[in-house]
Structure formats: structure tokens, C-alpha cells
Amino acid sequence: MIITHDFQAPRNLFEKLLRDAGSLEVEINGDNVFNFITTAHFLRDWIKKSPLSESEVSKRFLRRVAKDPNFKVCVDIINHSKPFSITLDENNKHRFIDLGDSKIDVLLFRDEITELYNVYFKMK
């Protein structure tokens, strides 16, 4: 059996984001969190460079993403503007992205980022 993951359009990267989100359902660790954040960050660029980016809907969506606090976390992490760590407290089942000045629940972050992009891909 041959499986091909095609990466030619923003939808393909969105599908990867969903797979990365699924990986966080199976196991939360630093690598899986970072992979999810990286995909979420670059998905905006892929949308921006797509042929559909000139539509008013796409322009509004891209402005919305740029203002989103969770997306800003992705930018800070990818650009290394803020050091971060992943804190896993197995006793209390807490899992946080620790940015020093704030702690963000990993699963809530995942769900909010996924829903942010889901709105766009439901329209397209």
C-alpha cells in the first residue's frame, strides 16, 4: 500500500495541522506541541501565498489570524521572541505551554487554533 501526503495547497497543510492535533490527543510532549505550533504558524503563510488570498474573505481571515492571541503565541515561539517550555504535571493532569509570564493549557490552545483555521476551511 502506498500513502502519499500531498503538500501543494493550504488545505494540505490544514490536514497536517489536524493530524498534529490528533498526535496531541495520543501523547502530549514537547515535540508534538512544537510540531503543532510550527504547522499552525506556517499555515497562515500558505494561505497568504495561495491564489485565493486576494479575495476579501481571505483578507479578512488573515487579519483575524494575525490578531488572534493564540496565533501570536505561535509567532513568538517560532521566531524565538519568547523562550518557552512544555510543562507536564502527570499528577494533576495539567499540561502547559510555559512562556515565563504566562501558562497556556496545551489542549485548549490546540482546540482554539484548530477551530480558528477550521472556520476558514469550512468556507473554502
PDB file of N, CA and C in Angstrom:
ATOM      1  N   MET A   1       0.843  -1.175   0.000  1.00  0.00           N
ATOM      2  CA  MET A   1       0.000   0.000   0.000  1.00  0.00           C
ATOM      3  C   MET A   1       0.889   1.240   0.000  1.00  0.00           C
ATOM      4  N   ILE A   2       0.529   2.212  -0.835  1.00  0.00           N
ATOM      5  CA  ILE A   2       1.269   3.464  -0.925  1.00  0.00           C
ATOM      6  C   ILE A   2       0.369   4.585  -0.419  1.00  0.00           C
ATOM      7  N   ILE A   3       0.910   5.382   0.494  1.00  0.00           N
ATOM      8  CA  ILE A   3       0.203   6.548   1.014  1.00  0.00           C
ATOM      9  C   ILE A   3       1.022   7.773   0.650  1.00  0.00           C
ATOM     10  N   THR A   4       0.359   8.751   0.061  1.00  0.00           N
ATOM     11  CA  THR A   4       1.038   9.977  -0.319  1.00  0.00           C
ATOM     12  C   THR A   4       0.422  11.146   0.440  1.00  0.00           C
ATOM     13  N   HIS A   5       1.259  11.918   1.102  1.00  0.00           N
ATOM     14  CA  HIS A   5       0.815  13.152   1.732  1.00  0.00           C
ATOM     15  C   HIS A   5       1.235  14.272   0.794  1.00  0.00           C
ATOM     16  N   ASP A   6       0.262  14.864   0.158  1.00  0.00           N
ATOM     17  CA  ASP A   6       0.491  15.904  -0.838  1.00  0.00           C
ATOM     18  C   ASP A   6       0.518  17.263  -0.149  1.00  0.00           C
ATOM     19  N   PHE A   7       1.535  18.065  -0.395  1.00  0.00           N
ATOM     20  CA  PHE A   7       1.649  19.395   0.198  1.00  0.00           C
ATOM     21  C   PHE A   7       1.785  20.428  -0.907  1.00  0.00           C
ATOM     22  N   GLN A   8       0.661  20.722  -1.552  1.00  0.00           N
ATOM     23  CA  GLN A   8       0.680  21.686  -2.638  1.00  0.00           C
ATOM     24  C   GLN A   8      -0.267  22.850  -2.399  1.00  0.00           C
ATOM     25  N   ALA A   9      -1.137  22.720  -1.421  1.00  0.00           N
ATOM     26  CA  ALA A   9      -2.144  23.748  -1.181  1.00  0.00           C
ATOM     27  C   ALA A   9      -2.343  23.936   0.322  1.00  0.00           C
ATOM     28  N   PRO A  10      -2.879  25.089   0.716  1.00  0.00           N
ATOM     29  CA  PRO A  10      -3.137  25.321   2.139  1.00  0.00           C
ATOM     30  C   PRO A  10      -3.986  24.220   2.785  1.00  0.00           C
ATOM     31  N   ARG A  11      -4.943  23.675   2.044  1.00  0.00           N
ATOM     32  CA  ARG A  11      -5.771  22.603   2.619  1.00  0.00           C
ATOM     33  C   ARG A  11      -4.912  21.413   3.043  1.00  0.00           C
ATOM     34  N   ASN A  12      -3.878  21.106   2.263  1.00  0.00           N
ATOM     35  CA  ASN A  12      -2.982  20.004   2.617  1.00  0.00           C
ATOM     36  C   ASN A  12      -2.296  20.275   3.954  1.00  0.00           C
ATOM     37  N   LEU A  13      -1.875  21.513   4.163  1.00  0.00           N
ATOM     38  CA  LEU A  13      -1.217  21.855   5.426  1.00  0.00           C
ATOM     39  C   LEU A  13      -2.233  21.884   6.566  1.00  0.00           C
ATOM     40  N   PHE A  14      -3.469  22.285   6.270  1.00  0.00           N
ATOM     41  CA  PHE A  14      -4.525  22.223   7.272  1.00  0.00           C
ATOM     42  C   PHE A  14      -4.763  20.779   7.707  1.00  0.00           C
ATOM     43  N   GLU A  15      -4.756  19.870   6.761  1.00  0.00           N
ATOM     44  CA  GLU A  15      -4.925  18.454   7.093  1.00  0.00           C
ATOM     45  C   GLU A  15      -3.767  17.967   7.981  1.00  0.00           C
ATOM     46  N   LYS A  16      -2.559  18.473   7.724  1.00  0.00           N
ATOM     47  CA  LYS A  16      -1.424  18.144   8.593  1.00  0.00           C
ATOM     48  C   LYS A  16      -1.655  18.705   9.998  1.00  0.00           C
ATOM     49  N   LEU A  17      -2.186  19.932  10.080  1.00  0.00           N
ATOM     50  CA  LEU A  17      -2.498  20.524  11.374  1.00  0.00           C
ATOM     51  C   LEU A  17      -3.453  19.626  12.152  1.00  0.00           C
ATOM     52  N   LEU A  18      -4.451  19.079  11.462  1.00  0.00           N
ATOM     53  CA  LEU A  18      -5.401  18.180  12.117  1.00  0.00           C
ATOM     54  C   LEU A  18      -4.710  16.894  12.575  1.00  0.00           C
ATOM     55  N   ARG A  19      -3.772  16.387  11.772  1.00  0.00           N
ATOM     56  CA  ARG A  19      -3.014  15.191  12.194  1.00  0.00           C
ATOM     57  C   ARG A  19      -2.141  15.530  13.408  1.00  0.00           C
ATOM     58  N   ASP A  20      -1.523  16.713  13.386  1.00  0.00           N
ATOM     59  CA  ASP A  20      -0.715  17.144  14.538  1.00  0.00           C
ATOM     60  C   ASP A  20      -1.596  17.277  15.779  1.00  0.00           C
ATOM     61  N   ALA A  21      -2.802  17.805  15.611  1.00  0.00           N
ATOM     62  CA  ALA A  21      -3.746  17.915  16.732  1.00  0.00           C
ATOM     63  C   ALA A  21      -4.095  16.526  17.259  1.00  0.00           C
ATOM     64  N   GLY A  22      -4.273  15.572  16.353  1.00  0.00           N
ATOM     65  CA  GLY A  22      -4.550  14.190  16.755  1.00  0.00           C
ATOM     66  C   GLY A  22      -3.396  13.576  17.518  1.00  0.00           C
ATOM     67  N   SER A  23      -2.178  13.920  17.131  1.00  0.00           N
ATOM     68  CA  SER A  23      -0.995  13.425  17.862  1.00  0.00           C
ATOM     69  C   SER A  23      -1.009  13.912  19.304  1.00  0.00           C
ATOM     70  N   LEU A  24      -1.511  15.124  19.523  1.00  0.00           N
ATOM     71  CA  LEU A  24      -1.604  15.652  20.885  1.00  0.00           C
ATOM     72  C   LEU A  24      -2.693  14.945  21.684  1.00  0.00           C
ATOM     73  N   GLU A  25      -3.627  14.346  20.984  1.00  0.00           N
ATOM     74  CA  GLU A  25      -4.646  13.550  21.672  1.00  0.00           C
ATOM     75  C   GLU A  25      -4.035  12.252  22.194  1.00  0.00           C
ATOM     76  N   VAL A  26      -3.079  11.721  21.438  1.00  0.00           N
ATOM     77  CA  VAL A  26      -2.429  10.457  21.798  1.00  0.00           C
ATOM     78  C   VAL A  26      -1.353  10.683  22.851  1.00  0.00           C
ATOM     79  N   GLU A  27      -0.492  11.674  22.607  1.00  0.00           N
ATOM     80  CA  GLU A  27       0.611  11.927  23.538  1.00  0.00           C
ATOM     81  C   GLU A  27       1.000  13.399  23.502  1.00  0.00           C
ATOM     82  N   ILE A  28       0.975  14.012  24.667  1.00  0.00           N
ATOM     83  CA  ILE A  28       1.430  15.396  24.772  1.00  0.00           C
ATOM     84  C   ILE A  28       2.884  15.365  25.204  1.00  0.00           C
ATOM     85  N   ASN A  29       3.735  15.856  24.315  1.00  0.00           N
ATOM     86  CA  ASN A  29       5.148  16.018  24.643  1.00  0.00           C
ATOM     87  C   ASN A  29       5.657  17.238  23.884  1.00  0.00           C
ATOM     88  N   GLY A  30       6.860  17.643  24.184  1.00  0.00           N
ATOM     89  CA  GLY A  30       7.418  18.840  23.578  1.00  0.00           C
ATOM     90  C   GLY A  30       7.473  18.785  22.068  1.00  0.00           C
ATOM     91  N   ASP A  31       7.851  17.643  21.520  1.00  0.00           N
ATOM     92  CA  ASP A  31       7.952  17.513  20.063  1.00  0.00           C
ATOM     93  C   ASP A  31       6.591  17.662  19.394  1.00  0.00           C
ATOM     94  N   ASN A  32       5.579  16.997  19.933  1.00  0.00           N
ATOM     95  CA  ASN A  32       4.248  17.081  19.336  1.00  0.00           C
ATOM     96  C   ASN A  32       3.675  18.493  19.440  1.00  0.00           C
ATOM     97  N   VAL A  33       3.902  19.157  20.572  1.00  0.00           N
ATOM     98  CA  VAL A  33       3.422  20.530  20.737  1.00  0.00           C
ATOM     99  C   VAL A  33       4.133  21.450  19.751  1.00  0.00           C
ATOM    100  N   PHE A  34       5.447  21.314  19.644  1.00  0.00           N
ATOM    101  CA  PHE A  34       6.206  22.166  18.734  1.00  0.00           C
ATOM    102  C   PHE A  34       5.806  21.926  17.277  1.00  0.00           C
ATOM    103  N   ASN A  35       5.579  20.675  16.909  1.00  0.00           N
ATOM    104  CA  ASN A  35       5.125  20.368  15.539  1.00  0.00           C
ATOM    105  C   ASN A  35       3.787  21.044  15.246  1.00  0.00           C
ATOM    106  N   PHE A  36       2.870  20.981  16.200  1.00  0.00           N
ATOM    107  CA  PHE A  36       1.565  21.612  16.028  1.00  0.00           C
ATOM    108  C   PHE A  36       1.716  23.125  15.863  1.00  0.00           C
ATOM    109  N   ILE A  37       2.511  23.741  16.722  1.00  0.00           N
ATOM    110  CA  ILE A  37       2.727  25.184  16.670  1.00  0.00           C
ATOM    111  C   ILE A  37       3.368  25.592  15.346  1.00  0.00           C
ATOM    112  N   THR A  38       4.342  24.828  14.895  1.00  0.00           N
ATOM    113  CA  THR A  38       5.023  25.134  13.636  1.00  0.00           C
ATOM    114  C   THR A  38       4.049  25.078  12.460  1.00  0.00           C
ATOM    115  N   THR A  39       3.247  24.040  12.412  1.00  0.00           N
ATOM    116  CA  THR A  39       2.271  23.900  11.329  1.00  0.00           C
ATOM    117  C   THR A  39       1.256  25.044  11.371  1.00  0.00           C
ATOM    118  N   ALA A  40       0.760  25.368  12.569  1.00  0.00           N
ATOM    119  CA  ALA A  40      -0.214  26.460  12.707  1.00  0.00           C
ATOM    120  C   ALA A  40       0.386  27.784  12.245  1.00  0.00           C
ATOM    121  N   HIS A  41       1.624  28.013  12.590  1.00  0.00           N
ATOM    122  CA  HIS A  41       2.298  29.257  12.206  1.00  0.00           C
ATOM    123  C   HIS A  41       2.425  29.369  10.686  1.00  0.00           C
ATOM    124  N   PHE A  42       2.903  28.334  10.042  1.00  0.00           N
ATOM    125  CA  PHE A  42       3.165  28.410   8.607  1.00  0.00           C
ATOM    126  C   PHE A  42       1.906  28.269   7.756  1.00  0.00           C
ATOM    127  N   LEU A  43       0.844  27.741   8.320  1.00  0.00           N
ATOM    128  CA  LEU A  43      -0.399  27.633   7.570  1.00  0.00           C
ATOM    129  C   LEU A  43      -0.887  29.017   7.148  1.00  0.00           C
ATOM    130  N   ARG A  44      -0.736  29.994   8.006  1.00  0.00           N
ATOM    131  CA  ARG A  44      -1.127  31.365   7.641  1.00  0.00           C
ATOM    132  C   ARG A  44      -0.354  31.831   6.407  1.00  0.00           C
ATOM    133  N   ASP A  45       0.942  31.565   6.366  1.00  0.00           N
ATOM    134  CA  ASP A  45       1.751  31.953   5.202  1.00  0.00           C
ATOM    135  C   ASP A  45       1.288  31.247   3.942  1.00  0.00           C
ATOM    136  N   TRP A  46       0.929  29.983   4.061  1.00  0.00           N
ATOM    137  CA  TRP A  46       0.459  29.227   2.895  1.00  0.00           C
ATOM    138  C   TRP A  46      -0.841  29.824   2.363  1.00  0.00           C
ATOM    139  N   ILE A  47      -1.732  30.200   3.272  1.00  0.00           N
ATOM    140  CA  ILE A  47      -2.987  30.831   2.850  1.00  0.00           C
ATOM    141  C   ILE A  47      -2.683  32.170   2.175  1.00  0.00           C
ATOM    142  N   LYS A  48      -1.770  32.915   2.779  1.00  0.00           N
ATOM    143  CA  LYS A  48      -1.393  34.233   2.259  1.00  0.00           C
ATOM    144  C   LYS A  48      -0.825  34.144   0.838  1.00  0.00           C
ATOM    145  N   LYS A  49      -0.120  33.065   0.537  1.00  0.00           N
ATOM    146  CA  LYS A  49       0.511  32.905  -0.776  1.00  0.00           C
ATOM    147  C   LYS A  49      -0.360  32.145  -1.778  1.00  0.00           C
ATOM    148  N   SER A  50      -1.539  31.736  -1.374  1.00  0.00           N
ATOM    149  CA  SER A  50      -2.398  30.968  -2.283  1.00  0.00           C
ATOM    150  C   SER A  50      -3.114  31.910  -3.247  1.00  0.00           C
ATOM    151  N   PRO A  51      -3.563  31.370  -4.366  1.00  0.00           N
ATOM    152  CA  PRO A  51      -4.297  32.195  -5.338  1.00  0.00           C
ATOM    153  C   PRO A  51      -5.574  32.821  -4.759  1.00  0.00           C
ATOM    154  N   LEU A  52      -6.153  32.189  -3.747  1.00  0.00           N
ATOM    155  CA  LEU A  52      -7.394  32.700  -3.160  1.00  0.00           C
ATOM    156  C   LEU A  52      -7.164  33.855  -2.190  1.00  0.00           C
ATOM    157  N   SER A  53      -5.918  34.175  -1.914  1.00  0.00           N
ATOM    158  CA  SER A  53      -5.614  35.177  -0.887  1.00  0.00           C
ATOM    159  C   SER A  53      -6.092  36.574  -1.253  1.00  0.00           C
ATOM    160  N   GLU A  54      -6.383  36.814  -2.523  1.00  0.00           N
ATOM    161  CA  GLU A  54      -6.830  38.141  -2.945  1.00  0.00           C
ATOM    162  C   GLU A  54      -8.317  38.376  -2.694  1.00  0.00           C
ATOM    163  N   SER A  55      -9.034  37.322  -2.336  1.00  0.00           N
ATOM    164  CA  SER A  55     -10.463  37.505  -2.062  1.00  0.00           C
ATOM    165  C   SER A  55     -10.630  38.262  -0.746  1.00  0.00           C
ATOM    166  N   GLU A  56     -11.729  38.971  -0.639  1.00  0.00           N
ATOM    167  CA  GLU A  56     -11.992  39.749   0.583  1.00  0.00           C
ATOM    168  C   GLU A  56     -12.139  38.827   1.791  1.00  0.00           C
ATOM    169  N   VAL A  57     -12.736  37.672   1.588  1.00  0.00           N
ATOM    170  CA  VAL A  57     -12.896  36.697   2.677  1.00  0.00           C
ATOM    171  C   VAL A  57     -11.528  36.272   3.212  1.00  0.00           C
ATOM    172  N   SER A  58     -10.615  35.969   2.319  1.00  0.00           N
ATOM    173  CA  SER A  58      -9.272  35.560   2.726  1.00  0.00           C
ATOM    174  C   SER A  58      -8.545  36.690   3.434  1.00  0.00           C
ATOM    175  N   LYS A  59      -8.672  37.887   2.915  1.00  0.00           N
ATOM    176  CA  LYS A  59      -8.001  39.040   3.539  1.00  0.00           C
ATOM    177  C   LYS A  59      -8.519  39.270   4.958  1.00  0.00           C
ATOM    178  N   ARG A  60      -9.838  39.176   5.137  1.00  0.00           N
ATOM    179  CA  ARG A  60     -10.418  39.339   6.483  1.00  0.00           C
ATOM    180  C   ARG A  60      -9.934  38.226   7.410  1.00  0.00           C
ATOM    181  N   PHE A  61      -9.915  37.013   6.883  1.00  0.00           N
ATOM    182  CA  PHE A  61      -9.467  35.893   7.702  1.00  0.00           C
ATOM    183  C   PHE A  61      -8.010  36.071   8.123  1.00  0.00           C
ATOM    184  N   LEU A  62      -7.144  36.465   7.207  1.00  0.00           N
ATOM    185  CA  LEU A  62      -5.726  36.651   7.525  1.00  0.00           C
ATOM    186  C   LEU A  62      -5.535  37.752   8.567  1.00  0.00           C
ATOM    187  N   ARG A  63      -6.342  38.802   8.508  1.00  0.00           N
ATOM    188  CA  ARG A  63      -6.275  39.848   9.540  1.00  0.00           C
ATOM    189  C   ARG A  63      -6.720  39.289  10.887  1.00  0.00           C
ATOM    190  N   ARG A  64      -7.754  38.473  10.857  1.00  0.00           N
ATOM    191  CA  ARG A  64      -8.246  37.855  12.094  1.00  0.00           C
ATOM    192  C   ARG A  64      -7.169  36.963  12.717  1.00  0.00           C
ATOM    193  N   VAL A  65      -6.510  36.152  11.900  1.00  0.00           N
ATOM    194  CA  VAL A  65      -5.453  35.270  12.406  1.00  0.00           C
ATOM    195  C   VAL A  65      -4.326  36.097  13.014  1.00  0.00           C
ATOM    196  N   ALA A  66      -3.914  37.150  12.324  1.00  0.00           N
ATOM    197  CA  ALA A  66      -2.804  37.974  12.806  1.00  0.00           C
ATOM    198  C   ALA A  66      -3.100  38.587  14.175  1.00  0.00           C
ATOM    199  N   LYS A  67      -4.369  38.847  14.472  1.00  0.00           N
ATOM    200  CA  LYS A  67      -4.755  39.450  15.748  1.00  0.00           C
ATOM    201  C   LYS A  67      -5.024  38.411  16.842  1.00  0.00           C
ATOM    202  N   ASP A  68      -5.142  37.165  16.460  1.00  0.00           N
ATOM    203  CA  ASP A  68      -5.506  36.117  17.415  1.00  0.00           C
ATOM    204  C   ASP A  68      -4.394  35.911  18.445  1.00  0.00           C
ATOM    205  N   PRO A  69      -4.725  35.944  19.737  1.00  0.00           N
ATOM    206  CA  PRO A  69      -3.698  35.784  20.775  1.00  0.00           C
ATOM    207  C   PRO A  69      -2.960  34.439  20.717  1.00  0.00           C
ATOM    208  N   ASN A  70      -3.666  33.382  20.344  1.00  0.00           N
ATOM    209  CA  ASN A  70      -3.009  32.076  20.231  1.00  0.00           C
ATOM    210  C   ASN A  70      -2.030  32.054  19.061  1.00  0.00           C
ATOM    211  N   PHE A  71      -2.430  32.693  17.955  1.00  0.00           N
ATOM    212  CA  PHE A  71      -1.515  32.760  16.818  1.00  0.00           C
ATOM    213  C   PHE A  71      -0.277  33.573  17.185  1.00  0.00           C
ATOM    214  N   LYS A  72      -0.462  34.628  17.967  1.00  0.00           N
ATOM    215  CA  LYS A  72       0.683  35.433  18.412  1.00  0.00           C
ATOM    216  C   LYS A  72       1.647  34.593  19.245  1.00  0.00           C
ATOM    217  N   VAL A  73       1.125  33.646  20.006  1.00  0.00           N
ATOM    218  CA  VAL A  73       1.979  32.712  20.749  1.00  0.00           C
ATOM    219  C   VAL A  73       2.799  31.878  19.765  1.00  0.00           C
ATOM    220  N   CYS A  74       2.154  31.399  18.708  1.00  0.00           N
ATOM    221  CA  CYS A  74       2.882  30.632  17.678  1.00  0.00           C
ATOM    222  C   CYS A  74       4.010  31.469  17.089  1.00  0.00           C
ATOM    223  N   VAL A  75       3.729  32.713  16.767  1.00  0.00           N
ATOM    224  CA  VAL A  75       4.742  33.601  16.192  1.00  0.00           C
ATOM    225  C   VAL A  75       5.896  33.792  17.176  1.00  0.00           C
ATOM    226  N   ASP A  76       5.575  34.062  18.429  1.00  0.00           N
ATOM    227  CA  ASP A  76       6.620  34.270  19.441  1.00  0.00           C
ATOM    228  C   ASP A  76       7.510  33.037  19.589  1.00  0.00           C
ATOM    229  N   ILE A  77       6.910  31.866  19.553  1.00  0.00           N
ATOM    230  CA  ILE A  77       7.683  30.632  19.708  1.00  0.00           C
ATOM    231  C   ILE A  77       8.536  30.362  18.472  1.00  0.00           C
ATOM    232  N   ILE A  78       7.948  30.464  17.294  1.00  0.00           N
ATOM    233  CA  ILE A  78       8.685  30.168  16.061  1.00  0.00           C
ATOM    234  C   ILE A  78       9.805  31.176  15.838  1.00  0.00           C
ATOM    235  N   ASN A  79       9.556  32.445  16.147  1.00  0.00           N
ATOM    236  CA  ASN A  79      10.577  33.474  15.975  1.00  0.00           C
ATOM    237  C   ASN A  79      11.546  33.549  17.148  1.00  0.00           C
ATOM    238  N   HIS A  80      11.341  32.722  18.122  1.00  0.00           N
ATOM    239  CA  HIS A  80      12.151  32.672  19.335  1.00  0.00           C
ATOM    240  C   HIS A  80      12.179  34.033  20.048  1.00  0.00           C
ATOM    241  N   SER A  81      11.029  34.733  19.988  1.00  0.00           N
ATOM    242  CA  SER A  81      10.883  36.011  20.677  1.00  0.00           C
ATOM    243  C   SER A  81      10.735  35.805  22.170  1.00  0.00           C
ATOM    244  N   LYS A  82      10.157  34.680  22.535  1.00  0.00           N
ATOM    245  CA  LYS A  82       9.988  34.338  23.943  1.00  0.00           C
ATOM    246  C   LYS A  82      10.464  32.904  24.140  1.00  0.00           C
ATOM    247  N   PRO A  83      11.297  32.687  25.133  1.00  0.00           N
ATOM    248  CA  PRO A  83      11.649  31.297  25.437  1.00  0.00           C
ATOM    249  C   PRO A  83      10.406  30.584  25.975  1.00  0.00           C
ATOM    250  N   PHE A  84      10.327  29.306  25.692  1.00  0.00           N
ATOM    251  CA  PHE A  84       9.162  28.565  26.160  1.00  0.00           C
ATOM    252  C   PHE A  84       9.579  27.164  26.569  1.00  0.00           C
ATOM    253  N   SER A  85       8.715  26.555  27.331  1.00  0.00           N
ATOM    254  CA  SER A  85       8.897  25.150  27.687  1.00  0.00           C
ATOM    255  C   SER A  85       7.510  24.519  27.770  1.00  0.00           C
ATOM    256  N   ILE A  86       7.509  23.215  27.782  1.00  0.00           N
ATOM    257  CA  ILE A  86       6.272  22.459  27.941  1.00  0.00           C
ATOM    258  C   ILE A  86       6.339  21.813  29.318  1.00  0.00           C
ATOM    259  N   THR A  87       5.340  22.092  30.129  1.00  0.00           N
ATOM    260  CA  THR A  87       5.288  21.548  31.481  1.00  0.00           C
ATOM    261  C   THR A  87       4.182  20.511  31.542  1.00  0.00           C
ATOM    262  N   LEU A  88       4.555  19.309  31.943  1.00  0.00           N
ATOM    263  CA  LEU A  88       3.598  18.211  32.075  1.00  0.00           C
ATOM    264  C   LEU A  88       3.531  17.812  33.542  1.00  0.00           C
ATOM    265  N   ASP A  89       2.385  17.983  34.147  1.00  0.00           N
ATOM    266  CA  ASP A  89       2.167  17.584  35.532  1.00  0.00           C
ATOM    267  C   ASP A  89       1.226  16.384  35.504  1.00  0.00           C
ATOM    268  N   GLU A  90       1.819  15.197  35.486  1.00  0.00           N
ATOM    269  CA  GLU A  90       1.024  13.967  35.362  1.00  0.00           C
ATOM    270  C   GLU A  90       0.110  13.744  36.570  1.00  0.00           C
ATOM    271  N   ASN A  91       0.510  14.221  37.747  1.00  0.00           N
ATOM    272  CA  ASN A  91      -0.321  14.040  38.934  1.00  0.00           C
ATOM    273  C   ASN A  91      -1.651  14.778  38.816  1.00  0.00           C
ATOM    274  N   ASN A  92      -1.593  16.012  38.343  1.00  0.00           N
ATOM    275  CA  ASN A  92      -2.802  16.835  38.236  1.00  0.00           C
ATOM    276  C   ASN A  92      -3.360  16.892  36.821  1.00  0.00           C
ATOM    277  N   LYS A  93      -2.728  16.179  35.902  1.00  0.00           N
ATOM    278  CA  LYS A  93      -3.152  16.146  34.501  1.00  0.00           C
ATOM    279  C   LYS A  93      -3.135  17.533  33.853  1.00  0.00           C
ATOM    280  N   HIS A  94      -2.231  18.401  34.310  1.00  0.00           N
ATOM    281  CA  HIS A  94      -2.072  19.715  33.704  1.00  0.00           C
ATOM    282  C   HIS A  94      -0.941  19.661  32.693  1.00  0.00           C
ATOM    283  N   ARG A  95      -1.178  20.275  31.564  1.00  0.00           N
ATOM    284  CA  ARG A  95      -0.168  20.339  30.502  1.00  0.00           C
ATOM    285  C   ARG A  95      -0.167  21.761  29.966  1.00  0.00           C
ATOM    286  N   PHE A  96       0.975  22.435  30.134  1.00  0.00           N
ATOM    287  CA  PHE A  96       1.044  23.846  29.799  1.00  0.00           C
ATOM    288  C   PHE A  96       2.180  24.168  28.845  1.00  0.00           C
ATOM    289  N   ILE A  97       1.923  25.170  28.010  1.00  0.00           N
ATOM    290  CA  ILE A  97       2.992  25.859  27.311  1.00  0.00           C
ATOM    291  C   ILE A  97       3.382  26.979  28.263  1.00  0.00           C
ATOM    292  N   ASP A  98       4.596  26.964  28.737  1.00  0.00           N
ATOM    293  CA  ASP A  98       5.070  27.935  29.722  1.00  0.00           C
ATOM    294  C   ASP A  98       5.913  28.980  29.009  1.00  0.00           C
ATOM    295  N   LEU A  99       5.395  30.207  28.946  1.00  0.00           N
ATOM    296  CA  LEU A  99       6.096  31.309  28.295  1.00  0.00           C
ATOM    297  C   LEU A  99       6.775  32.222  29.305  1.00  0.00           C
ATOM    298  N   GLY A 100       6.920  31.753  30.518  1.00  0.00           N
ATOM    299  CA  GLY A 100       7.540  32.572  31.559  1.00  0.00           C
ATOM    300  C   GLY A 100       6.506  33.442  32.251  1.00  0.00           C
ATOM    301  N   ASP A 101       5.921  34.381  31.509  1.00  0.00           N
ATOM    302  CA  ASP A 101       4.929  35.279  32.090  1.00  0.00           C
ATOM    303  C   ASP A 101       3.509  34.729  32.017  1.00  0.00           C
ATOM    304  N   SER A 102       3.333  33.635  31.300  1.00  0.00           N
ATOM    305  CA  SER A 102       2.008  33.031  31.209  1.00  0.00           C
ATOM    306  C   SER A 102       2.102  31.533  30.949  1.00  0.00           C
ATOM    307  N   LYS A 103       1.058  30.842  31.373  1.00  0.00           N
ATOM    308  CA  LYS A 103       0.944  29.410  31.136  1.00  0.00           C
ATOM    309  C   LYS A 103      -0.335  29.179  30.342  1.00  0.00           C
ATOM    310  N   ILE A 104      -0.215  28.403  29.264  1.00  0.00           N
ATOM    311  CA  ILE A 104      -1.340  28.164  28.377  1.00  0.00           C
ATOM    312  C   ILE A 104      -1.616  26.666  28.334  1.00  0.00           C
ATOM    313  N   ASP A 105      -2.846  26.288  28.616  1.00  0.00           N
ATOM    314  CA  ASP A 105      -3.235  24.885  28.568  1.00  0.00           C
ATOM    315  C   ASP A 105      -3.062  24.356  27.144  1.00  0.00           C
ATOM    316  N   VAL A 106      -2.302  23.288  26.989  1.00  0.00           N
ATOM    317  CA  VAL A 106      -1.974  22.748  25.666  1.00  0.00           C
ATOM    318  C   VAL A 106      -3.224  22.346  24.891  1.00  0.00           C
ATOM    319  N   LEU A 107      -4.131  21.627  25.524  1.00  0.00           N
ATOM    320  CA  LEU A 107      -5.307  21.129  24.794  1.00  0.00           C
ATOM    321  C   LEU A 107      -6.278  22.245  24.434  1.00  0.00           C
ATOM    322  N   LEU A 108      -6.436  23.215  25.309  1.00  0.00           N
ATOM    323  CA  LEU A 108      -7.284  24.362  24.995  1.00  0.00           C
ATOM    324  C   LEU A 108      -6.668  25.162  23.846  1.00  0.00           C
ATOM    325  N   PHE A 109      -5.365  25.365  23.883  1.00  0.00           N
ATOM    326  CA  PHE A 109      -4.635  26.054  22.818  1.00  0.00           C
ATOM    327  C   PHE A 109      -4.830  25.320  21.493  1.00  0.00           C
ATOM    328  N   ARG A 110      -4.631  23.996  21.517  1.00  0.00           N
ATOM    329  CA  ARG A 110      -4.813  23.175  20.317  1.00  0.00           C
ATOM    330  C   ARG A 110      -6.219  23.341  19.749  1.00  0.00           C
ATOM    331  N   ASP A 111      -7.226  23.250  20.622  1.00  0.00           N
ATOM    332  CA  ASP A 111      -8.611  23.335  20.167  1.00  0.00           C
ATOM    333  C   ASP A 111      -8.932  24.708  19.581  1.00  0.00           C
ATOM    334  N   GLU A 112      -8.428  25.762  20.197  1.00  0.00           N
ATOM    335  CA  GLU A 112      -8.721  27.115  19.720  1.00  0.00           C
ATOM    336  C   GLU A 112      -8.024  27.409  18.391  1.00  0.00           C
ATOM    337  N   ILE A 113      -6.791  26.972  18.245  1.00  0.00           N
ATOM    338  CA  ILE A 113      -6.076  27.159  16.973  1.00  0.00           C
ATOM    339  C   ILE A 113      -6.756  26.350  15.865  1.00  0.00           C
ATOM    340  N   THR A 114      -7.098  25.117  16.162  1.00  0.00           N
ATOM    341  CA  THR A 114      -7.755  24.266  15.172  1.00  0.00           C
ATOM    342  C   THR A 114      -9.083  24.878  14.740  1.00  0.00           C
ATOM    343  N   GLU A 115      -9.851  25.381  15.689  1.00  0.00           N
ATOM    344  CA  GLU A 115     -11.137  25.995  15.358  1.00  0.00           C
ATOM    345  C   GLU A 115     -10.947  27.274  14.555  1.00  0.00           C
ATOM    346  N   LEU A 116      -9.925  28.049  14.869  1.00  0.00           N
ATOM    347  CA  LEU A 116      -9.628  29.264  14.112  1.00  0.00           C
ATOM    348  C   LEU A 116      -9.467  28.948  12.626  1.00  0.00           C
ATOM    349  N   TYR A 117      -8.645  27.974  12.320  1.00  0.00           N
ATOM    350  CA  TYR A 117      -8.423  27.607  10.923  1.00  0.00           C
ATOM    351  C   TYR A 117      -9.602  26.835  10.336  1.00  0.00           C
ATOM    352  N   ASN A 118     -10.280  26.096  11.158  1.00  0.00           N
ATOM    353  CA  ASN A 118     -11.438  25.318  10.690  1.00  0.00           C
ATOM    354  C   ASN A 118     -12.499  26.233  10.071  1.00  0.00           C
ATOM    355  N   VAL A 119     -12.693  27.395  10.640  1.00  0.00           N
ATOM    356  CA  VAL A 119     -13.667  28.362  10.119  1.00  0.00           C
ATOM    357  C   VAL A 119     -13.350  28.691   8.662  1.00  0.00           C
ATOM    358  N   TYR A 120     -12.087  28.923   8.361  1.00  0.00           N
ATOM    359  CA  TYR A 120     -11.667  29.264   7.006  1.00  0.00           C
ATOM    360  C   TYR A 120     -11.896  28.100   6.042  1.00  0.00           C
ATOM    361  N   PHE A 121     -11.484  26.909   6.459  1.00  0.00           N
ATOM    362  CA  PHE A 121     -11.558  25.776   5.547  1.00  0.00           C
ATOM    363  C   PHE A 121     -12.982  25.227   5.403  1.00  0.00           C
ATOM    364  N   LYS A 122     -13.880  25.583   6.277  1.00  0.00           N
ATOM    365  CA  LYS A 122     -15.288  25.246   6.065  1.00  0.00           C
ATOM    366  C   LYS A 122     -15.865  26.084   4.917  1.00  0.00           C
ATOM    367  N   MET A 123     -15.333  27.317   4.787  1.00  0.00           N
ATOM    368  CA  MET A 123     -15.810  28.208   3.721  1.00  0.00           C
ATOM    369  C   MET A 123     -15.178  27.859   2.388  1.00  0.00           C
ATOM    370  N   LYS A 124     -13.939  27.371   2.402  1.00  0.00           N
ATOM    371  CA  LYS A 124     -13.190  27.145   1.161  1.00  0.00           C
ATOM    372  C   LYS A 124     -13.292  25.695   0.728  1.00  0.00           C
TER     373      LYS A 124
END
